């Protein structure tokens, strides 16, 4: 490893014990890699609120990063239960990971005893900033600055993973498998007039859409997703999604092209 590579990793050796809670394996991979690149070595993963509660009861963690919208016990319920069970003088720092940042989300977070929140997808700098704000972690750190309109697409993925080729390729492979499945779930949910099925699949698409596409399309997709909750006209929803699907298909094509390009070079 060169000296430059060491500088890019900027290992913090913070000693923080972090529990990452998310039911989406792609988000688990992304979060764990960012935490690792920040030098946080003790990272545990929970795929549900119920699993996270058991781990929090049986292990000591300094920080819990939890998705808000999960089937079964969601992030708000998980936080509320942990706060109810905490002993005097103990306090687990809980940071919510959410695709939304509305006033209702902030109020729900405060009511559940959540200390802070991050909007997904988050950059390494975003995560570092929220950790230094809420824990004893203090050290100068600077990843590549990402302006919302400056970098999009595959270039932004490379920046988020600190240009680690193996991590980028593994992440893209996971997306190549997951995105078509989620698109099919949305279409099936619409065809079945099933609000919950359609919303949960669309919600899982929001983070990669926001990471890899323009802010304009990301907002259009977010509006569609949130509208599903109150959508009674599924024929209208089908027409909306058909228009959005053009860009989703283009996104999958971009991912496939990047994977094939790297495969041909190796």
C-alpha atoms as a PDB file:
ATOM      1  CA  UNK A   1       0.000   0.000   0.000  1.00  0.00           C
ATOM      2  CA  UNK A   2       1.455   3.391  -0.974  1.00  0.00           C
ATOM      3  CA  UNK A   3       1.634   6.390   1.337  1.00  0.00           C
ATOM      4  CA  UNK A   4      -0.977   8.109  -0.807  1.00  0.00           C
ATOM      5  CA  UNK A   5      -3.335   5.155  -0.401  1.00  0.00           C
ATOM      6  CA  UNK A   6      -2.899   5.320   3.373  1.00  0.00           C
ATOM      7  CA  UNK A   7      -3.719   9.025   3.343  1.00  0.00           C
ATOM      8  CA  UNK A   8      -6.879   8.375   1.335  1.00  0.00           C
ATOM      9  CA  UNK A   9      -8.067   5.812   3.860  1.00  0.00           C
ATOM     10  CA  UNK A  10      -7.473   8.199   6.787  1.00  0.00           C
ATOM     11  CA  UNK A  11      -7.961   5.530   9.436  1.00  0.00           C
ATOM     12  CA  UNK A  12      -9.528   7.004  12.538  1.00  0.00           C
ATOM     13  CA  UNK A  13      -9.125   4.017  14.871  1.00  0.00           C
ATOM     14  CA  UNK A  14     -11.929   5.524  16.897  1.00  0.00           C
ATOM     15  CA  UNK A  15     -12.885   2.438  18.853  1.00  0.00           C
ATOM     16  CA  UNK A  16     -16.566   3.224  18.294  1.00  0.00           C
ATOM     17  CA  UNK A  17     -18.851   0.189  18.358  1.00  0.00           C
ATOM     18  CA  UNK A  18     -21.560   0.668  15.732  1.00  0.00           C
ATOM     19  CA  UNK A  19     -24.761  -1.278  15.083  1.00  0.00           C
ATOM     20  CA  UNK A  20     -26.077  -0.743  11.553  1.00  0.00           C
ATOM     21  CA  UNK A  21     -29.757  -1.638  11.121  1.00  0.00           C
ATOM     22  CA  UNK A  22     -31.295  -1.992   7.654  1.00  0.00           C
ATOM     23  CA  UNK A  23     -33.424  -4.643   5.957  1.00  0.00           C
ATOM     24  CA  UNK A  24     -31.842  -3.885   2.569  1.00  0.00           C
ATOM     25  CA  UNK A  25     -28.580  -5.763   1.899  1.00  0.00           C
ATOM     26  CA  UNK A  26     -27.426  -3.129  -0.597  1.00  0.00           C
ATOM     27  CA  UNK A  27     -27.750  -0.428   2.075  1.00  0.00           C
ATOM     28  CA  UNK A  28     -26.016  -2.707   4.577  1.00  0.00           C
ATOM     29  CA  UNK A  29     -23.073  -3.114   2.204  1.00  0.00           C
ATOM     30  CA  UNK A  30     -22.855   0.610   1.461  1.00  0.00           C
ATOM     31  CA  UNK A  31     -23.089   1.629   5.112  1.00  0.00           C
ATOM     32  CA  UNK A  32     -20.548  -0.924   6.326  1.00  0.00           C
ATOM     33  CA  UNK A  33     -18.021   0.034   3.653  1.00  0.00           C
ATOM     34  CA  UNK A  34     -18.328   3.752   4.437  1.00  0.00           C
ATOM     35  CA  UNK A  35     -17.926   3.073   8.160  1.00  0.00           C
ATOM     36  CA  UNK A  36     -14.902   0.872   7.470  1.00  0.00           C
ATOM     37  CA  UNK A  37     -13.323   3.546   5.274  1.00  0.00           C
ATOM     38  CA  UNK A  38     -13.781   5.974   8.144  1.00  0.00           C
ATOM     39  CA  UNK A  39     -11.643   3.642  10.236  1.00  0.00           C
ATOM     40  CA  UNK A  40     -14.466   2.252  12.374  1.00  0.00           C
ATOM     41  CA  UNK A  41     -13.581  -1.397  12.814  1.00  0.00           C
ATOM     42  CA  UNK A  42     -16.268  -2.700  15.180  1.00  0.00           C
ATOM     43  CA  UNK A  43     -19.433  -2.853  13.051  1.00  0.00           C
ATOM     44  CA  UNK A  44     -22.355  -5.204  13.564  1.00  0.00           C
ATOM     45  CA  UNK A  45     -25.319  -5.598  11.210  1.00  0.00           C
ATOM     46  CA  UNK A  46     -28.984  -6.242  11.971  1.00  0.00           C
ATOM     47  CA  UNK A  47     -31.521  -6.897   9.218  1.00  0.00           C
ATOM     48  CA  UNK A  48     -34.616  -5.981  11.238  1.00  0.00           C
ATOM     49  CA  UNK A  49     -35.746  -3.968  14.226  1.00  0.00           C
ATOM     50  CA  UNK A  50     -36.367  -7.130  16.199  1.00  0.00           C
ATOM     51  CA  UNK A  51     -32.844  -8.429  15.546  1.00  0.00           C
ATOM     52  CA  UNK A  52     -31.363  -5.030  16.417  1.00  0.00           C
ATOM     53  CA  UNK A  53     -33.214  -4.930  19.737  1.00  0.00           C
ATOM     54  CA  UNK A  54     -31.814  -8.328  20.717  1.00  0.00           C
ATOM     55  CA  UNK A  55     -28.289  -7.283  19.769  1.00  0.00           C
ATOM     56  CA  UNK A  56     -28.605  -3.995  21.654  1.00  0.00           C
ATOM     57  CA  UNK A  57     -29.768  -5.887  24.753  1.00  0.00           C
ATOM     58  CA  UNK A  58     -26.882  -8.359  24.651  1.00  0.00           C
ATOM     59  CA  UNK A  59     -23.992  -6.163  23.465  1.00  0.00           C
ATOM     60  CA  UNK A  60     -22.560  -2.737  24.133  1.00  0.00           C
ATOM     61  CA  UNK A  61     -22.742  -0.306  21.226  1.00  0.00           C
ATOM     62  CA  UNK A  62     -21.837   3.372  21.177  1.00  0.00           C
ATOM     63  CA  UNK A  63     -23.920   4.209  18.108  1.00  0.00           C
ATOM     64  CA  UNK A  64     -26.892   2.689  16.317  1.00  0.00           C
ATOM     65  CA  UNK A  65     -27.561   3.743  12.730  1.00  0.00           C
ATOM     66  CA  UNK A  66     -31.058   2.579  11.909  1.00  0.00           C
ATOM     67  CA  UNK A  67     -33.272   2.659   8.861  1.00  0.00           C
ATOM     68  CA  UNK A  68     -36.648   4.154   9.696  1.00  0.00           C
ATOM     69  CA  UNK A  69     -38.983   2.243   7.386  1.00  0.00           C
ATOM     70  CA  UNK A  70     -38.615  -1.502   7.916  1.00  0.00           C
ATOM     71  CA  UNK A  71     -41.230  -4.259   7.951  1.00  0.00           C
ATOM     72  CA  UNK A  72     -42.187  -5.374  11.441  1.00  0.00           C
ATOM     73  CA  UNK A  73     -40.547  -3.159  14.056  1.00  0.00           C
ATOM     74  CA  UNK A  74     -39.586   0.095  12.337  1.00  0.00           C
ATOM     75  CA  UNK A  75     -36.804   2.444  13.381  1.00  0.00           C
ATOM     76  CA  UNK A  76     -39.051   4.660  15.510  1.00  0.00           C
ATOM     77  CA  UNK A  77     -40.449   1.687  17.427  1.00  0.00           C
ATOM     78  CA  UNK A  78     -36.964   0.254  17.868  1.00  0.00           C
ATOM     79  CA  UNK A  79     -35.639   3.521  19.272  1.00  0.00           C
ATOM     80  CA  UNK A  80     -38.627   3.944  21.586  1.00  0.00           C
ATOM     81  CA  UNK A  81     -38.137   0.425  22.979  1.00  0.00           C
ATOM     82  CA  UNK A  82     -34.413   0.922  23.530  1.00  0.00           C
ATOM     83  CA  UNK A  83     -35.037   4.181  25.379  1.00  0.00           C
ATOM     84  CA  UNK A  84     -37.652   2.469  27.558  1.00  0.00           C
ATOM     85  CA  UNK A  85     -35.139  -0.207  28.562  1.00  0.00           C
ATOM     86  CA  UNK A  86     -32.095   2.018  29.134  1.00  0.00           C
ATOM     87  CA  UNK A  87     -30.696   2.269  32.622  1.00  0.00           C
ATOM     88  CA  UNK A  88     -30.063   5.583  34.309  1.00  0.00           C
ATOM     89  CA  UNK A  89     -26.789   7.037  33.079  1.00  0.00           C
ATOM     90  CA  UNK A  90     -26.632   4.931  29.919  1.00  0.00           C
ATOM     91  CA  UNK A  91     -27.411   6.349  26.515  1.00  0.00           C
ATOM     92  CA  UNK A  92     -27.028   4.704  23.129  1.00  0.00           C
ATOM     93  CA  UNK A  93     -26.581   7.315  20.407  1.00  0.00           C
ATOM     94  CA  UNK A  94     -29.280   6.593  17.825  1.00  0.00           C
ATOM     95  CA  UNK A  95     -29.091   8.086  14.345  1.00  0.00           C
ATOM     96  CA  UNK A  96     -31.991   7.512  11.981  1.00  0.00           C
ATOM     97  CA  UNK A  97     -31.355   6.754   8.310  1.00  0.00           C
ATOM     98  CA  UNK A  98     -34.248   7.980   6.215  1.00  0.00           C
ATOM     99  CA  UNK A  99     -35.050   8.632   2.579  1.00  0.00           C
ATOM    100  CA  UNK A 100     -37.241  11.523   3.745  1.00  0.00           C
ATOM    101  CA  UNK A 101     -36.485  14.632   5.771  1.00  0.00           C
ATOM    102  CA  UNK A 102     -39.939  16.100   6.365  1.00  0.00           C
ATOM    103  CA  UNK A 103     -41.153  17.885   9.479  1.00  0.00           C
ATOM    104  CA  UNK A 104     -43.154  14.765  10.367  1.00  0.00           C
ATOM    105  CA  UNK A 105     -39.993  12.645  10.175  1.00  0.00           C
ATOM    106  CA  UNK A 106     -38.157  15.027  12.480  1.00  0.00           C
ATOM    107  CA  UNK A 107     -41.036  15.074  14.958  1.00  0.00           C
ATOM    108  CA  UNK A 108     -41.317  11.283  14.919  1.00  0.00           C
ATOM    109  CA  UNK A 109     -37.568  11.039  15.502  1.00  0.00           C
ATOM    110  CA  UNK A 110     -37.689  13.363  18.507  1.00  0.00           C
ATOM    111  CA  UNK A 111     -40.681  11.546  19.981  1.00  0.00           C
ATOM    112  CA  UNK A 112     -38.881   8.201  19.670  1.00  0.00           C
ATOM    113  CA  UNK A 113     -35.759   9.483  21.407  1.00  0.00           C
ATOM    114  CA  UNK A 114     -33.604   9.517  18.275  1.00  0.00           C
ATOM    115  CA  UNK A 115     -30.585  11.800  18.613  1.00  0.00           C
ATOM    116  CA  UNK A 116     -30.054  12.758  14.970  1.00  0.00           C
ATOM    117  CA  UNK A 117     -30.762  11.606  11.436  1.00  0.00           C
ATOM    118  CA  UNK A 118     -29.151  11.251   8.026  1.00  0.00           C
ATOM    119  CA  UNK A 119     -30.956  11.441   4.713  1.00  0.00           C
ATOM    120  CA  UNK A 120     -30.141   8.535   2.390  1.00  0.00           C
ATOM    121  CA  UNK A 121     -28.075   8.235   0.357  1.00  0.00           C
ATOM    122  CA  UNK A 122     -25.437   9.899   2.526  1.00  0.00           C
ATOM    123  CA  UNK A 123     -21.837  10.674   1.668  1.00  0.00           C
ATOM    124  CA  UNK A 124     -18.880   9.579   3.823  1.00  0.00           C
ATOM    125  CA  UNK A 125     -18.473  13.201   4.884  1.00  0.00           C
ATOM    126  CA  UNK A 126     -22.148  13.366   5.919  1.00  0.00           C
ATOM    127  CA  UNK A 127     -21.738  10.284   8.103  1.00  0.00           C
ATOM    128  CA  UNK A 128     -18.483  11.528   9.586  1.00  0.00           C
ATOM    129  CA  UNK A 129     -20.072  14.886  10.407  1.00  0.00           C
ATOM    130  CA  UNK A 130     -23.045  13.337  12.225  1.00  0.00           C
ATOM    131  CA  UNK A 131     -20.744  11.007  14.176  1.00  0.00           C
ATOM    132  CA  UNK A 132     -18.426  13.796  15.290  1.00  0.00           C
ATOM    133  CA  UNK A 133     -21.464  15.854  16.262  1.00  0.00           C
ATOM    134  CA  UNK A 134     -23.012  13.134  18.420  1.00  0.00           C
ATOM    135  CA  UNK A 135     -20.039  11.153  19.773  1.00  0.00           C
ATOM    136  CA  UNK A 136     -16.536  11.680  21.131  1.00  0.00           C
ATOM    137  CA  UNK A 137     -15.092  11.025  17.678  1.00  0.00           C
ATOM    138  CA  UNK A 138     -12.979  14.074  16.874  1.00  0.00           C
ATOM    139  CA  UNK A 139     -10.480  14.259  14.052  1.00  0.00           C
ATOM    140  CA  UNK A 140      -9.977  16.240  10.872  1.00  0.00           C
ATOM    141  CA  UNK A 141     -11.276  14.250   7.941  1.00  0.00           C
ATOM    142  CA  UNK A 142     -12.060  15.152   4.364  1.00  0.00           C
ATOM    143  CA  UNK A 143     -13.487  12.962   1.639  1.00  0.00           C
ATOM    144  CA  UNK A 144     -14.007  14.219  -1.859  1.00  0.00           C
ATOM    145  CA  UNK A 145     -16.631  16.956  -1.582  1.00  0.00           C
ATOM    146  CA  UNK A 146     -19.807  16.101  -3.460  1.00  0.00           C
ATOM    147  CA  UNK A 147     -22.028  18.881  -4.704  1.00  0.00           C
ATOM    148  CA  UNK A 148     -25.530  17.607  -5.445  1.00  0.00           C
ATOM    149  CA  UNK A 149     -25.465  18.749  -9.060  1.00  0.00           C
ATOM    150  CA  UNK A 150     -21.721  18.340  -9.585  1.00  0.00           C
ATOM    151  CA  UNK A 151     -21.323  14.563  -9.693  1.00  0.00           C
ATOM    152  CA  UNK A 152     -23.964  12.007 -10.610  1.00  0.00           C
ATOM    153  CA  UNK A 153     -24.076   8.481 -11.902  1.00  0.00           C
ATOM    154  CA  UNK A 154     -21.168   6.042 -11.706  1.00  0.00           C
ATOM    155  CA  UNK A 155     -18.695   8.830 -10.870  1.00  0.00           C
ATOM    156  CA  UNK A 156     -20.618   9.557  -7.687  1.00  0.00           C
ATOM    157  CA  UNK A 157     -20.527   5.880  -6.699  1.00  0.00           C
ATOM    158  CA  UNK A 158     -16.738   5.912  -7.059  1.00  0.00           C
ATOM    159  CA  UNK A 159     -16.540   9.025  -4.910  1.00  0.00           C
ATOM    160  CA  UNK A 160     -18.766   7.554  -2.184  1.00  0.00           C
ATOM    161  CA  UNK A 161     -16.601   4.411  -2.045  1.00  0.00           C
ATOM    162  CA  UNK A 162     -13.414   6.496  -1.987  1.00  0.00           C
ATOM    163  CA  UNK A 163     -12.485   5.078  -5.435  1.00  0.00           C
ATOM    164  CA  UNK A 164     -12.129   1.521  -4.163  1.00  0.00           C
ATOM    165  CA  UNK A 165     -12.605  -0.479  -7.365  1.00  0.00           C
ATOM    166  CA  UNK A 166     -13.554  -3.749  -5.667  1.00  0.00           C
ATOM    167  CA  UNK A 167     -16.211  -2.082  -3.499  1.00  0.00           C
ATOM    168  CA  UNK A 168     -17.683  -0.219  -6.478  1.00  0.00           C
ATOM    169  CA  UNK A 169     -17.915  -3.358  -8.593  1.00  0.00           C
ATOM    170  CA  UNK A 170     -19.488  -5.381  -5.780  1.00  0.00           C
ATOM    171  CA  UNK A 171     -22.000  -2.605  -5.137  1.00  0.00           C
ATOM    172  CA  UNK A 172     -22.902  -2.348  -8.831  1.00  0.00           C
ATOM    173  CA  UNK A 173     -23.329  -6.119  -9.049  1.00  0.00           C
ATOM    174  CA  UNK A 174     -25.762  -5.990  -6.134  1.00  0.00           C
ATOM    175  CA  UNK A 175     -27.697  -3.163  -7.799  1.00  0.00           C
ATOM    176  CA  UNK A 176     -27.802  -5.028 -11.117  1.00  0.00           C
ATOM    177  CA  UNK A 177     -29.561  -7.879  -9.373  1.00  0.00           C
ATOM    178  CA  UNK A 178     -31.784  -5.843  -7.069  1.00  0.00           C
ATOM    179  CA  UNK A 179     -33.097  -3.047  -9.302  1.00  0.00           C
ATOM    180  CA  UNK A 180     -34.978  -5.236 -11.827  1.00  0.00           C
ATOM    181  CA  UNK A 181     -36.485  -7.201  -8.923  1.00  0.00           C
ATOM    182  CA  UNK A 182     -37.733  -4.013  -7.243  1.00  0.00           C
ATOM    183  CA  UNK A 183     -39.096  -2.642 -10.512  1.00  0.00           C
ATOM    184  CA  UNK A 184     -41.049  -5.869 -10.982  1.00  0.00           C
ATOM    185  CA  UNK A 185     -42.341  -5.627  -7.401  1.00  0.00           C
ATOM    186  CA  UNK A 186     -43.604  -2.101  -8.025  1.00  0.00           C
ATOM    187  CA  UNK A 187     -45.363  -3.195 -11.215  1.00  0.00           C
ATOM    188  CA  UNK A 188     -46.874  -6.242  -9.510  1.00  0.00           C
ATOM    189  CA  UNK A 189     -48.031  -4.102  -6.581  1.00  0.00           C
ATOM    190  CA  UNK A 190     -49.726  -1.672  -8.947  1.00  0.00           C
ATOM    191  CA  UNK A 191     -51.392  -4.505 -10.875  1.00  0.00           C
ATOM    192  CA  UNK A 192     -52.659  -5.944  -7.567  1.00  0.00           C
ATOM    193  CA  UNK A 193     -53.768  -2.487  -6.326  1.00  0.00           C
ATOM    194  CA  UNK A 194     -51.625  -3.179  -3.267  1.00  0.00           C
ATOM    195  CA  UNK A 195     -50.511   0.055  -1.574  1.00  0.00           C
ATOM    196  CA  UNK A 196     -48.100  -1.565   0.884  1.00  0.00           C
ATOM    197  CA  UNK A 197     -46.332  -3.800  -1.631  1.00  0.00           C
ATOM    198  CA  UNK A 198     -45.968  -0.983  -4.166  1.00  0.00           C
ATOM    199  CA  UNK A 199     -44.753   1.544  -1.604  1.00  0.00           C
ATOM    200  CA  UNK A 200     -42.145  -0.694   0.049  1.00  0.00           C
ATOM    201  CA  UNK A 201     -40.617  -1.677  -3.311  1.00  0.00           C
ATOM    202  CA  UNK A 202     -40.585   1.929  -4.533  1.00  0.00           C
ATOM    203  CA  UNK A 203     -39.141   3.086  -1.208  1.00  0.00           C
ATOM    204  CA  UNK A 204     -36.200   0.689  -1.606  1.00  0.00           C
ATOM    205  CA  UNK A 205     -35.573   2.174  -5.053  1.00  0.00           C
ATOM    206  CA  UNK A 206     -35.392   5.741  -3.743  1.00  0.00           C
ATOM    207  CA  UNK A 207     -31.856   5.539  -2.367  1.00  0.00           C
ATOM    208  CA  UNK A 208     -30.110   4.201  -5.518  1.00  0.00           C
ATOM    209  CA  UNK A 209     -32.206   6.542  -7.664  1.00  0.00           C
ATOM    210  CA  UNK A 210     -31.081   9.504  -5.575  1.00  0.00           C
ATOM    211  CA  UNK A 211     -27.472   8.334  -5.642  1.00  0.00           C
ATOM    212  CA  UNK A 212     -27.222   7.656  -9.366  1.00  0.00           C
ATOM    213  CA  UNK A 213     -29.589  10.061 -11.131  1.00  0.00           C
ATOM    214  CA  UNK A 214     -30.229  13.779 -11.386  1.00  0.00           C
ATOM    215  CA  UNK A 215     -31.950  15.638  -8.571  1.00  0.00           C
ATOM    216  CA  UNK A 216     -34.889  16.379 -10.892  1.00  0.00           C
ATOM    217  CA  UNK A 217     -35.600  12.709 -11.608  1.00  0.00           C
ATOM    218  CA  UNK A 218     -34.912  11.740  -7.995  1.00  0.00           C
ATOM    219  CA  UNK A 219     -37.563  14.234  -6.874  1.00  0.00           C
ATOM    220  CA  UNK A 220     -40.035  12.941  -9.463  1.00  0.00           C
ATOM    221  CA  UNK A 221     -39.506   9.396  -8.237  1.00  0.00           C
ATOM    222  CA  UNK A 222     -39.794  10.481  -4.601  1.00  0.00           C
ATOM    223  CA  UNK A 223     -43.091  12.244  -5.360  1.00  0.00           C
ATOM    224  CA  UNK A 224     -44.381   9.090  -7.041  1.00  0.00           C
ATOM    225  CA  UNK A 225     -43.341   6.947  -4.057  1.00  0.00           C
ATOM    226  CA  UNK A 226     -44.957   9.174  -1.455  1.00  0.00           C
ATOM    227  CA  UNK A 227     -48.078   9.508  -3.601  1.00  0.00           C
ATOM    228  CA  UNK A 228     -48.576   5.740  -3.580  1.00  0.00           C
ATOM    229  CA  UNK A 229     -49.677   5.908   0.057  1.00  0.00           C
ATOM    230  CA  UNK A 230     -52.790   7.865  -0.869  1.00  0.00           C
ATOM    231  CA  UNK A 231     -53.141   6.578  -4.426  1.00  0.00           C
ATOM    232  CA  UNK A 232     -56.518   5.062  -5.221  1.00  0.00           C
ATOM    233  CA  UNK A 233     -56.256   5.315  -8.989  1.00  0.00           C
ATOM    234  CA  UNK A 234     -53.792   2.545  -9.793  1.00  0.00           C
ATOM    235  CA  UNK A 235     -54.308   3.018 -13.519  1.00  0.00           C
ATOM    236  CA  UNK A 236     -52.923   6.522 -13.083  1.00  0.00           C
ATOM    237  CA  UNK A 237     -50.071   5.107 -10.955  1.00  0.00           C
ATOM    238  CA  UNK A 238     -49.280   2.602 -13.717  1.00  0.00           C
ATOM    239  CA  UNK A 239     -49.067   5.421 -16.277  1.00  0.00           C
ATOM    240  CA  UNK A 240     -46.803   7.406 -13.950  1.00  0.00           C
ATOM    241  CA  UNK A 241     -44.485   4.497 -13.348  1.00  0.00           C
ATOM    242  CA  UNK A 242     -44.315   3.634 -17.039  1.00  0.00           C
ATOM    243  CA  UNK A 243     -42.841   7.097 -17.672  1.00  0.00           C
ATOM    244  CA  UNK A 244     -40.412   6.791 -14.768  1.00  0.00           C
ATOM    245  CA  UNK A 245     -39.379   3.315 -15.895  1.00  0.00           C
ATOM    246  CA  UNK A 246     -37.675   4.759 -18.974  1.00  0.00           C
ATOM    247  CA  UNK A 247     -35.056   6.374 -16.752  1.00  0.00           C
ATOM    248  CA  UNK A 248     -34.877   3.343 -14.455  1.00  0.00           C
ATOM    249  CA  UNK A 249     -34.141   1.104 -17.427  1.00  0.00           C
ATOM    250  CA  UNK A 250     -31.469   3.568 -18.569  1.00  0.00           C
ATOM    251  CA  UNK A 251     -29.952   3.411 -15.091  1.00  0.00           C
ATOM    252  CA  UNK A 252     -29.751  -0.386 -15.236  1.00  0.00           C
ATOM    253  CA  UNK A 253     -28.153  -0.132 -18.684  1.00  0.00           C
ATOM    254  CA  UNK A 254     -25.533   2.290 -17.317  1.00  0.00           C
ATOM    255  CA  UNK A 255     -24.728  -0.096 -14.465  1.00  0.00           C
ATOM    256  CA  UNK A 256     -24.432  -3.042 -16.851  1.00  0.00           C
ATOM    257  CA  UNK A 257     -22.156  -1.088 -19.180  1.00  0.00           C
ATOM    258  CA  UNK A 258     -19.842  -0.131 -16.312  1.00  0.00           C
ATOM    259  CA  UNK A 259     -19.644  -3.730 -15.088  1.00  0.00           C
ATOM    260  CA  UNK A 260     -18.954  -5.043 -18.597  1.00  0.00           C
ATOM    261  CA  UNK A 261     -16.355  -2.337 -19.235  1.00  0.00           C
ATOM    262  CA  UNK A 262     -14.383  -3.301 -16.144  1.00  0.00           C
ATOM    263  CA  UNK A 263     -14.804  -6.989 -16.934  1.00  0.00           C
ATOM    264  CA  UNK A 264     -13.320  -6.492 -20.408  1.00  0.00           C
ATOM    265  CA  UNK A 265     -10.352  -4.616 -18.957  1.00  0.00           C
ATOM    266  CA  UNK A 266      -9.508  -7.341 -16.460  1.00  0.00           C
END
